Amino acid sequence: MQASHHGSELIKFSTPLKHLCWNIACGISGAFQHVSGIRGARTIVAISTDSHAAIFRVAHYCIVEDLTTFIPILIEELSAECGSAF
């Protein structure tokens, strides 16, 4: 099991992050530790109000928006597209 330290929190992952299909980074600046852990993901979506956030250099999709505005819209659209499966 892989462990990742974030501040005072310990986050454990059962599989390496590089095997992720999607990584949606919300409000992440792009700290080296985070970026190195997600770099192998097939698709990285970054959402930040900072258009110069380092996470945008590695993201496949960059959304400059407040996540509290964007996430509810994303959920609504996905729910409409995928139905109750989402």
Foldseek 3Di string as FASTA:
>chain_A
DDWDDDPPDIDDDPDQLLDAQEAEAAQDLCPVSVCVRNLNHNAYEYEECDPPRPVVVRHPHYHNDHCVVVVVVVVVVCCVVVPPVD
